Amino acid sequence: MDYCQPKGTCGALGTAFVQYADALATQVTNHEIKESEAIQRFAQYKTQVISDAHRDQVIVESGRAAAAAAAAASGPKTCTTYGNVTNCF
């Protein structure tokens, strides 16, 4: 957390990321886990965070595309005028 707090630049995800790294470092320092295990755990965590962020971005983009398609589909496609009457379909 020494990185995020003075700079105030980490959001919730960045703060969680740094907290996890700090927790692993503390476990290594206290000889609770080996450094190699900490490196492996951190790599797995980082991979999961990146995967989750990518999944979330895809969901957001899909939602935007669906909303745009719905907006386009809801409007009239063709209008025909006969005398004083206009019908749009």
PDB file of N, CA and C in Angstrom:
ATOM      1  N   MET A   1       0.817  -1.199   0.000  1.00  0.00           N
ATOM      2  CA  MET A   1       0.000   0.000   0.000  1.00  0.00           C
ATOM      3  C   MET A   1       0.856   1.257   0.000  1.00  0.00           C
ATOM      4  N   ASP A   2       2.139   1.107   0.257  1.00  0.00           N
ATOM      5  CA  ASP A   2       3.015   2.281   0.270  1.00  0.00           C
ATOM      6  C   ASP A   2       3.013   2.990  -1.079  1.00  0.00           C
ATOM      7  N   TYR A   3       2.730   2.257  -2.137  1.00  0.00           N
ATOM      8  CA  TYR A   3       2.721   2.873  -3.461  1.00  0.00           C
ATOM      9  C   TYR A   3       1.460   3.704  -3.678  1.00  0.00           C
ATOM     10  N   CYS A   4       0.308   3.167  -3.315  1.00  0.00           N
ATOM     11  CA  CYS A   4      -0.962   3.838  -3.611  1.00  0.00           C
ATOM     12  C   CYS A   4      -1.273   5.016  -2.697  1.00  0.00           C
ATOM     13  N   GLN A   5      -1.039   4.879  -1.417  1.00  0.00           N
ATOM     14  CA  GLN A   5      -1.491   5.893  -0.471  1.00  0.00           C
ATOM     15  C   GLN A   5      -0.867   7.268  -0.677  1.00  0.00           C
ATOM     16  N   PRO A   6       0.458   7.400  -0.815  1.00  0.00           N
ATOM     17  CA  PRO A   6       0.996   8.756  -0.967  1.00  0.00           C
ATOM     18  C   PRO A   6       0.601   9.403  -2.290  1.00  0.00           C
ATOM     19  N   LYS A   7       0.515   8.612  -3.325  1.00  0.00           N
ATOM     20  CA  LYS A   7       0.196   9.162  -4.642  1.00  0.00           C
ATOM     21  C   LYS A   7      -1.306   9.350  -4.831  1.00  0.00           C
ATOM     22  N   GLY A   8      -2.103   8.538  -4.152  1.00  0.00           N
ATOM     23  CA  GLY A   8      -3.554   8.618  -4.294  1.00  0.00           C
ATOM     24  C   GLY A   8      -4.010   8.294  -5.699  1.00  0.00           C
ATOM     25  N   THR A   9      -3.247   7.457  -6.402  1.00  0.00           N
ATOM     26  CA  THR A   9      -3.542   7.207  -7.808  1.00  0.00           C
ATOM     27  C   THR A   9      -4.175   5.857  -8.076  1.00  0.00           C
ATOM     28  N   CYS A  10      -4.268   4.985  -7.084  1.00  0.00           N
ATOM     29  CA  CYS A  10      -4.829   3.658  -7.299  1.00  0.00           C
ATOM     30  C   CYS A  10      -6.334   3.677  -7.058  1.00  0.00           C
ATOM     31  N   GLY A  11      -7.067   3.109  -7.993  1.00  0.00           N
ATOM     32  CA  GLY A  11      -8.497   2.925  -7.788  1.00  0.00           C
ATOM     33  C   GLY A  11      -8.711   1.681  -6.937  1.00  0.00           C
ATOM     34  N   ALA A  12      -9.951   1.230  -6.851  1.00  0.00           N
ATOM     35  CA  ALA A  12     -10.273   0.058  -6.031  1.00  0.00           C
ATOM     36  C   ALA A  12      -9.526  -1.180  -6.523  1.00  0.00           C
ATOM     37  N   LEU A  13      -9.477  -1.373  -7.825  1.00  0.00           N
ATOM     38  CA  LEU A  13      -8.786  -2.539  -8.377  1.00  0.00           C
ATOM     39  C   LEU A  13      -7.284  -2.452  -8.140  1.00  0.00           C
ATOM     40  N   GLY A  14      -6.713  -1.294  -8.356  1.00  0.00           N
ATOM     41  CA  GLY A  14      -5.283  -1.110  -8.125  1.00  0.00           C
ATOM     42  C   GLY A  14      -4.919  -1.286  -6.666  1.00  0.00           C
ATOM     43  N   THR A  15      -5.768  -0.790  -5.781  1.00  0.00           N
ATOM     44  CA  THR A  15      -5.531  -0.941  -4.350  1.00  0.00           C
ATOM     45  C   THR A  15      -5.568  -2.418  -3.956  1.00  0.00           C
ATOM     46  N   ALA A  16      -6.553  -3.154  -4.459  1.00  0.00           N
ATOM     47  CA  ALA A  16      -6.651  -4.591  -4.161  1.00  0.00           C
ATOM     48  C   ALA A  16      -5.430  -5.332  -4.691  1.00  0.00           C
ATOM     49  N   PHE A  17      -4.975  -4.949  -5.864  1.00  0.00           N
ATOM     50  CA  PHE A  17      -3.805  -5.561  -6.494  1.00  0.00           C
ATOM     51  C   PHE A  17      -2.569  -5.369  -5.616  1.00  0.00           C
ATOM     52  N   VAL A  18      -2.358  -4.150  -5.162  1.00  0.00           N
ATOM     53  CA  VAL A  18      -1.205  -3.829  -4.320  1.00  0.00           C
ATOM     54  C   VAL A  18      -1.342  -4.505  -2.955  1.00  0.00           C
ATOM     55  N   GLN A  19      -2.543  -4.537  -2.402  1.00  0.00           N
ATOM     56  CA  GLN A  19      -2.746  -5.205  -1.110  1.00  0.00           C
ATOM     57  C   GLN A  19      -2.402  -6.685  -1.209  1.00  0.00           C
ATOM     58  N   TYR A  20      -2.784  -7.322  -2.299  1.00  0.00           N
ATOM     59  CA  TYR A  20      -2.480  -8.743  -2.478  1.00  0.00           C
ATOM     60  C   TYR A  20      -0.970  -8.948  -2.571  1.00  0.00           C
ATOM     61  N   ALA A  21      -0.301  -8.116  -3.339  1.00  0.00           N
ATOM     62  CA  ALA A  21       1.160  -8.213  -3.447  1.00  0.00           C
ATOM     63  C   ALA A  21       1.819  -7.998  -2.089  1.00  0.00           C
ATOM     64  N   ASP A  22       1.344  -7.019  -1.340  1.00  0.00           N
ATOM     65  CA  ASP A  22       1.888  -6.757  -0.002  1.00  0.00           C
ATOM     66  C   ASP A  22       1.666  -7.948   0.930  1.00  0.00           C
ATOM     67  N   ALA A  23       0.484  -8.568   0.846  1.00  0.00           N
ATOM     68  CA  ALA A  23       0.185  -9.726   1.697  1.00  0.00           C
ATOM     69  C   ALA A  23       1.107 -10.895   1.364  1.00  0.00           C
ATOM     70  N   LEU A  24       1.355 -11.104   0.087  1.00  0.00           N
ATOM     71  CA  LEU A  24       2.279 -12.166  -0.309  1.00  0.00           C
ATOM     72  C   LEU A  24       3.691 -11.872   0.190  1.00  0.00           C
ATOM     73  N   ALA A  25       4.109 -10.632   0.069  1.00  0.00           N
ATOM     74  CA  ALA A  25       5.444 -10.248   0.535  1.00  0.00           C
ATOM     75  C   ALA A  25       5.581 -10.473   2.040  1.00  0.00           C
ATOM     76  N   THR A  26       4.531 -10.155   2.778  1.00  0.00           N
ATOM     77  CA  THR A  26       4.549 -10.371   4.230  1.00  0.00           C
ATOM     78  C   THR A  26       4.640 -11.867   4.552  1.00  0.00           C
ATOM     79  N   GLN A  27       3.912 -12.684   3.811  1.00  0.00           N
ATOM     80  CA  GLN A  27       3.961 -14.127   4.034  1.00  0.00           C
ATOM     81  C   GLN A  27       5.363 -14.676   3.758  1.00  0.00           C
ATOM     82  N   VAL A  28       6.017 -14.160   2.715  1.00  0.00           N
ATOM     83  CA  VAL A  28       7.384 -14.593   2.414  1.00  0.00           C
ATOM     84  C   VAL A  28       8.319 -14.142   3.535  1.00  0.00           C
ATOM     85  N   THR A  29       8.202 -12.904   3.958  1.00  0.00           N
ATOM     86  CA  THR A  29       9.040 -12.365   5.033  1.00  0.00           C
ATOM     87  C   THR A  29       8.881 -13.165   6.326  1.00  0.00           C
ATOM     88  N   ASN A  30       7.651 -13.584   6.614  1.00  0.00           N
ATOM     89  CA  ASN A  30       7.367 -14.351   7.835  1.00  0.00           C
ATOM     90  C   ASN A  30       7.621 -15.853   7.659  1.00  0.00           C
ATOM     91  N   HIS A  31       8.170 -16.229   6.513  1.00  0.00           N
ATOM     92  CA  HIS A  31       8.483 -17.629   6.194  1.00  0.00           C
ATOM     93  C   HIS A  31       7.247 -18.527   6.217  1.00  0.00           C
ATOM     94  N   GLU A  32       6.096 -17.955   5.879  1.00  0.00           N
ATOM     95  CA  GLU A  32       4.855 -18.730   5.809  1.00  0.00           C
ATOM     96  C   GLU A  32       4.744 -19.436   4.460  1.00  0.00           C
ATOM     97  N   ILE A  33       5.285 -18.800   3.423  1.00  0.00           N
ATOM     98  CA  ILE A  33       5.347 -19.404   2.092  1.00  0.00           C
ATOM     99  C   ILE A  33       6.704 -19.080   1.493  1.00  0.00           C
ATOM    100  N   LYS A  34       7.082 -19.867   0.478  1.00  0.00           N
ATOM    101  CA  LYS A  34       8.353 -19.614  -0.199  1.00  0.00           C
ATOM    102  C   LYS A  34       8.142 -18.543  -1.267  1.00  0.00           C
ATOM    103  N   GLU A  35       9.220 -17.884  -1.644  1.00  0.00           N
ATOM    104  CA  GLU A  35       9.135 -16.836  -2.660  1.00  0.00           C
ATOM    105  C   GLU A  35       8.591 -17.380  -3.967  1.00  0.00           C
ATOM    106  N   SER A  36       8.998 -18.594  -4.334  1.00  0.00           N
ATOM    107  CA  SER A  36       8.517 -19.191  -5.587  1.00  0.00           C
ATOM    108  C   SER A  36       7.002 -19.382  -5.562  1.00  0.00           C
ATOM    109  N   GLU A  37       6.458 -19.755  -4.399  1.00  0.00           N
ATOM    110  CA  GLU A  37       5.009 -19.903  -4.284  1.00  0.00           C
ATOM    111  C   GLU A  37       4.320 -18.544  -4.383  1.00  0.00           C
ATOM    112  N   ALA A  38       4.918 -17.526  -3.773  1.00  0.00           N
ATOM    113  CA  ALA A  38       4.351 -16.176  -3.855  1.00  0.00           C
ATOM    114  C   ALA A  38       4.323 -15.695  -5.305  1.00  0.00           C
ATOM    115  N   ILE A  39       5.403 -15.963  -6.029  1.00  0.00           N
ATOM    116  CA  ILE A  39       5.463 -15.556  -7.443  1.00  0.00           C
ATOM    117  C   ILE A  39       4.382 -16.272  -8.239  1.00  0.00           C
ATOM    118  N   GLN A  40       4.206 -17.564  -7.974  1.00  0.00           N
ATOM    119  CA  GLN A  40       3.178 -18.332  -8.678  1.00  0.00           C
ATOM    120  C   GLN A  40       1.778 -17.812  -8.350  1.00  0.00           C
ATOM    121  N   ARG A  41       1.511 -17.574  -7.079  1.00  0.00           N
ATOM    122  CA  ARG A  41       0.195 -17.059  -6.672  1.00  0.00           C
ATOM    123  C   ARG A  41      -0.081 -15.695  -7.296  1.00  0.00           C
ATOM    124  N   PHE A  42       0.941 -14.841  -7.305  1.00  0.00           N
ATOM    125  CA  PHE A  42       0.749 -13.505  -7.874  1.00  0.00           C
ATOM    126  C   PHE A  42       0.483 -13.585  -9.369  1.00  0.00           C
ATOM    127  N   ALA A  43       1.185 -14.476 -10.063  1.00  0.00           N
ATOM    128  CA  ALA A  43       0.963 -14.654 -11.510  1.00  0.00           C
ATOM    129  C   ALA A  43      -0.463 -15.130 -11.773  1.00  0.00           C
ATOM    130  N   GLN A  44      -0.947 -16.069 -10.963  1.00  0.00           N
ATOM    131  CA  GLN A  44      -2.321 -16.547 -11.117  1.00  0.00           C
ATOM    132  C   GLN A  44      -3.325 -15.428 -10.851  1.00  0.00           C
ATOM    133  N   TYR A  45      -3.074 -14.656  -9.804  1.00  0.00           N
ATOM    134  CA  TYR A  45      -3.966 -13.537  -9.466  1.00  0.00           C
ATOM    135  C   TYR A  45      -3.995 -12.508 -10.593  1.00  0.00           C
ATOM    136  N   LYS A  46      -2.816 -12.171 -11.089  1.00  0.00           N
ATOM    137  CA  LYS A  46      -2.727 -11.178 -12.164  1.00  0.00           C
ATOM    138  C   LYS A  46      -3.452 -11.668 -13.408  1.00  0.00           C
ATOM    139  N   THR A  47      -3.271 -12.934 -13.751  1.00  0.00           N
ATOM    140  CA  THR A  47      -3.946 -13.505 -14.914  1.00  0.00           C
ATOM    141  C   THR A  47      -5.458 -13.434 -14.743  1.00  0.00           C
ATOM    142  N   GLN A  48      -5.947 -13.751 -13.536  1.00  0.00           N
ATOM    143  CA  GLN A  48      -7.389 -13.708 -13.275  1.00  0.00           C
ATOM    144  C   GLN A  48      -7.922 -12.276 -13.361  1.00  0.00           C
ATOM    145  N   VAL A  49      -7.190 -11.323 -12.806  1.00  0.00           N
ATOM    146  CA  VAL A  49      -7.617  -9.921 -12.845  1.00  0.00           C
ATOM    147  C   VAL A  49      -7.707  -9.432 -14.295  1.00  0.00           C
ATOM    148  N   ILE A  50      -6.701  -9.764 -15.088  1.00  0.00           N
ATOM    149  CA  ILE A  50      -6.702  -9.348 -16.500  1.00  0.00           C
ATOM    150  C   ILE A  50      -7.854 -10.009 -17.244  1.00  0.00           C
ATOM    151  N   SER A  51      -8.067 -11.290 -17.000  1.00  0.00           N
ATOM    152  CA  SER A  51      -9.166 -12.014 -17.646  1.00  0.00           C
ATOM    153  C   SER A  51     -10.518 -11.416 -17.277  1.00  0.00           C
ATOM    154  N   ASP A  52     -10.701 -11.112 -15.996  1.00  0.00           N
ATOM    155  CA  ASP A  52     -11.957 -10.509 -15.539  1.00  0.00           C
ATOM    156  C   ASP A  52     -12.180  -9.136 -16.167  1.00  0.00           C
ATOM    157  N   ALA A  53     -11.125  -8.346 -16.252  1.00  0.00           N
ATOM    158  CA  ALA A  53     -11.241  -7.015 -16.853  1.00  0.00           C
ATOM    159  C   ALA A  53     -11.607  -7.120 -18.329  1.00  0.00           C
ATOM    160  N   HIS A  54     -10.991  -8.077 -19.016  1.00  0.00           N
ATOM    161  CA  HIS A  54     -11.304  -8.274 -20.443  1.00  0.00           C
ATOM    162  C   HIS A  54     -12.758  -8.716 -20.606  1.00  0.00           C
ATOM    163  N   ARG A  55     -13.201  -9.667 -19.764  1.00  0.00           N
ATOM    164  CA  ARG A  55     -14.580 -10.140 -19.822  1.00  0.00           C
ATOM    165  C   ARG A  55     -15.549  -8.984 -19.588  1.00  0.00           C
ATOM    166  N   ASP A  56     -15.263  -8.158 -18.589  1.00  0.00           N
ATOM    167  CA  ASP A  56     -16.130  -7.021 -18.285  1.00  0.00           C
ATOM    168  C   ASP A  56     -16.204  -6.047 -19.457  1.00  0.00           C
ATOM    169  N   GLN A  57     -15.064  -5.811 -20.116  1.00  0.00           N
ATOM    170  CA  GLN A  57     -15.039  -4.903 -21.265  1.00  0.00           C
ATOM    171  C   GLN A  57     -15.875  -5.454 -22.411  1.00  0.00           C
ATOM    172  N   VAL A  58     -15.786  -6.760 -22.647  1.00  0.00           N
ATOM    173  CA  VAL A  58     -16.581  -7.397 -23.703  1.00  0.00           C
ATOM    174  C   VAL A  58     -18.068  -7.265 -23.394  1.00  0.00           C
ATOM    175  N   ILE A  59     -18.434  -7.458 -22.130  1.00  0.00           N
ATOM    176  CA  ILE A  59     -19.839  -7.321 -21.740  1.00  0.00           C
ATOM    177  C   ILE A  59     -20.332  -5.897 -21.967  1.00  0.00           C
ATOM    178  N   VAL A  60     -19.533  -4.915 -21.594  1.00  0.00           N
ATOM    179  CA  VAL A  60     -19.909  -3.511 -21.785  1.00  0.00           C
ATOM    180  C   VAL A  60     -20.078  -3.201 -23.269  1.00  0.00           C
ATOM    181  N   GLU A  61     -19.125  -3.638 -24.081  1.00  0.00           N
ATOM    182  CA  GLU A  61     -19.196  -3.377 -25.519  1.00  0.00           C
ATOM    183  C   GLU A  61     -20.403  -4.078 -26.150  1.00  0.00           C
ATOM    184  N   SER A  62     -20.702  -5.298 -25.696  1.00  0.00           N
ATOM    185  CA  SER A  62     -21.872  -6.019 -26.209  1.00  0.00           C
ATOM    186  C   SER A  62     -23.160  -5.284 -25.860  1.00  0.00           C
ATOM    187  N   GLY A  63     -23.210  -4.766 -24.644  1.00  0.00           N
ATOM    188  CA  GLY A  63     -24.386  -4.007 -24.224  1.00  0.00           C
ATOM    189  C   GLY A  63     -24.576  -2.752 -25.044  1.00  0.00           C
ATOM    190  N   ARG A  64     -23.478  -2.071 -25.334  1.00  0.00           N
ATOM    191  CA  ARG A  64     -23.564  -0.864 -26.171  1.00  0.00           C
ATOM    192  C   ARG A  64     -24.034  -1.204 -27.577  1.00  0.00           C
ATOM    193  N   ALA A  65     -23.503  -2.288 -28.132  1.00  0.00           N
ATOM    194  CA  ALA A  65     -23.894  -2.693 -29.486  1.00  0.00           C
ATOM    195  C   ALA A  65     -25.372  -3.085 -29.522  1.00  0.00           C
ATOM    196  N   ALA A  66     -25.825  -3.804 -28.498  1.00  0.00           N
ATOM    197  CA  ALA A  66     -27.226  -4.209 -28.434  1.00  0.00           C
ATOM    198  C   ALA A  66     -28.140  -2.993 -28.298  1.00  0.00           C
ATOM    199  N   ALA A  67     -27.731  -2.029 -27.493  1.00  0.00           N
ATOM    200  CA  ALA A  67     -28.534  -0.816 -27.320  1.00  0.00           C
ATOM    201  C   ALA A  67     -28.615  -0.025 -28.618  1.00  0.00           C
ATOM    202  N   ALA A  68     -27.506   0.059 -29.334  1.00  0.00           N
ATOM    203  CA  ALA A  68     -27.511   0.772 -30.618  1.00  0.00           C
ATOM    204  C   ALA A  68     -28.396   0.060 -31.633  1.00  0.00           C
ATOM    205  N   ALA A  69     -28.319  -1.279 -31.661  1.00  0.00           N
ATOM    206  CA  ALA A  69     -29.145  -2.047 -32.593  1.00  0.00           C
ATOM    207  C   ALA A  69     -30.624  -1.903 -32.255  1.00  0.00           C
ATOM    208  N   ALA A  70     -30.956  -1.903 -30.972  1.00  0.00           N
ATOM    209  CA  ALA A  70     -32.349  -1.751 -30.553  1.00  0.00           C
ATOM    210  C   ALA A  70     -32.870  -0.368 -30.923  1.00  0.00           C
ATOM    211  N   ALA A  71     -32.038   0.644 -30.739  1.00  0.00           N
ATOM    212  CA  ALA A  71     -32.460   2.004 -31.088  1.00  0.00           C
ATOM    213  C   ALA A  71     -32.690   2.128 -32.583  1.00  0.00           C
ATOM    214  N   ALA A  72     -31.811   1.523 -33.377  1.00  0.00           N
ATOM    215  CA  ALA A  72     -31.965   1.582 -34.833  1.00  0.00           C
ATOM    216  C   ALA A  72     -33.188   0.792 -35.286  1.00  0.00           C
ATOM    217  N   ALA A  73     -33.455  -0.340 -34.634  1.00  0.00           N
ATOM    218  CA  ALA A  73     -34.577  -1.187 -35.026  1.00  0.00           C
ATOM    219  C   ALA A  73     -35.918  -0.596 -34.622  1.00  0.00           C
ATOM    220  N   SER A  74     -35.938   0.258 -33.617  1.00  0.00           N
ATOM    221  CA  SER A  74     -37.206   0.772 -33.128  1.00  0.00           C
ATOM    222  C   SER A  74     -37.783   1.880 -34.004  1.00  0.00           C
ATOM    223  N   GLY A  75     -36.970   2.499 -34.822  1.00  0.00           N
ATOM    224  CA  GLY A  75     -37.463   3.578 -35.681  1.00  0.00           C
ATOM    225  C   GLY A  75     -38.075   3.045 -36.965  1.00  0.00           C
ATOM    226  N   PRO A  76     -38.846   3.875 -37.657  1.00  0.00           N
ATOM    227  CA  PRO A  76     -39.456   3.431 -38.907  1.00  0.00           C
ATOM    228  C   PRO A  76     -38.397   3.202 -39.982  1.00  0.00           C
ATOM    229  N   LYS A  77     -38.669   2.206 -40.822  1.00  0.00           N
ATOM    230  CA  LYS A  77     -37.755   1.873 -41.911  1.00  0.00           C
ATOM    231  C   LYS A  77     -38.175   2.555 -43.212  1.00  0.00           C
ATOM    232  N   THR A  78     -39.474   2.503 -43.489  1.00  0.00           N
ATOM    233  CA  THR A  78     -39.984   3.042 -44.752  1.00  0.00           C
ATOM    234  C   THR A  78     -41.286   3.785 -44.495  1.00  0.00           C
ATOM    235  N   CYS A  79     -41.409   4.925 -45.100  1.00  0.00           N
ATOM    236  CA  CYS A  79     -42.654   5.683 -44.989  1.00  0.00           C
ATOM    237  C   CYS A  79     -43.244   5.847 -46.392  1.00  0.00           C
ATOM    238  N   THR A  80     -44.543   5.674 -46.457  1.00  0.00           N
ATOM    239  CA  THR A  80     -45.249   5.816 -47.724  1.00  0.00           C
ATOM    240  C   THR A  80     -46.390   6.812 -47.523  1.00  0.00           C
ATOM    241  N   THR A  81     -46.507   7.758 -48.442  1.00  0.00           N
ATOM    242  CA  THR A  81     -47.554   8.769 -48.338  1.00  0.00           C
ATOM    243  C   THR A  81     -48.553   8.559 -49.471  1.00  0.00           C
ATOM    244  N   TYR A  82     -49.848   8.469 -49.092  1.00  0.00           N
ATOM    245  CA  TYR A  82     -50.945   8.405 -50.046  1.00  0.00           C
ATOM    246  C   TYR A  82     -51.857   9.571 -49.725  1.00  0.00           C
ATOM    247  N   GLY A  83     -51.826  10.573 -50.542  1.00  0.00           N
ATOM    248  CA  GLY A  83     -52.639  11.760 -50.291  1.00  0.00           C
ATOM    249  C   GLY A  83     -52.165  12.454 -49.032  1.00  0.00           C
ATOM    250  N   ASN A  84     -53.065  12.604 -48.072  1.00  0.00           N
ATOM    251  CA  ASN A  84     -52.723  13.270 -46.809  1.00  0.00           C
ATOM    252  C   ASN A  84     -52.302  12.292 -45.705  1.00  0.00           C
ATOM    253  N   VAL A  85     -52.198  10.989 -46.031  1.00  0.00           N
ATOM    254  CA  VAL A  85     -51.900   9.977 -45.024  1.00  0.00           C
ATOM    255  C   VAL A  85     -50.494   9.415 -45.263  1.00  0.00           C
ATOM    256  N   THR A  86     -49.685   9.395 -44.187  1.00  0.00           N
ATOM    257  CA  THR A  86     -48.336   8.805 -44.264  1.00  0.00           C
ATOM    258  C   THR A  86     -48.295   7.625 -43.314  1.00  0.00           C
ATOM    259  N   ASN A  87     -47.876   6.474 -43.826  1.00  0.00           N
ATOM    260  CA  ASN A  87     -47.693   5.274 -43.021  1.00  0.00           C
ATOM    261  C   ASN A  87     -46.221   4.913 -43.008  1.00  0.00           C
ATOM    262  N   CYS A  88     -45.695   4.674 -41.818  1.00  0.00           N
ATOM    263  CA  CYS A  88     -44.290   4.285 -41.677  1.00  0.00           C
ATOM    264  C   CYS A  88     -44.212   2.910 -41.054  1.00  0.00           C
ATOM    265  N   PHE A  89     -43.342   2.094 -41.596  1.00  0.00           N
ATOM    266  CA  PHE A  89     -43.154   0.704 -41.137  1.00  0.00           C
ATOM    267  C   PHE A  89     -41.715   0.472 -40.786  1.00  0.00           C
TER     268      PHE A  89
END
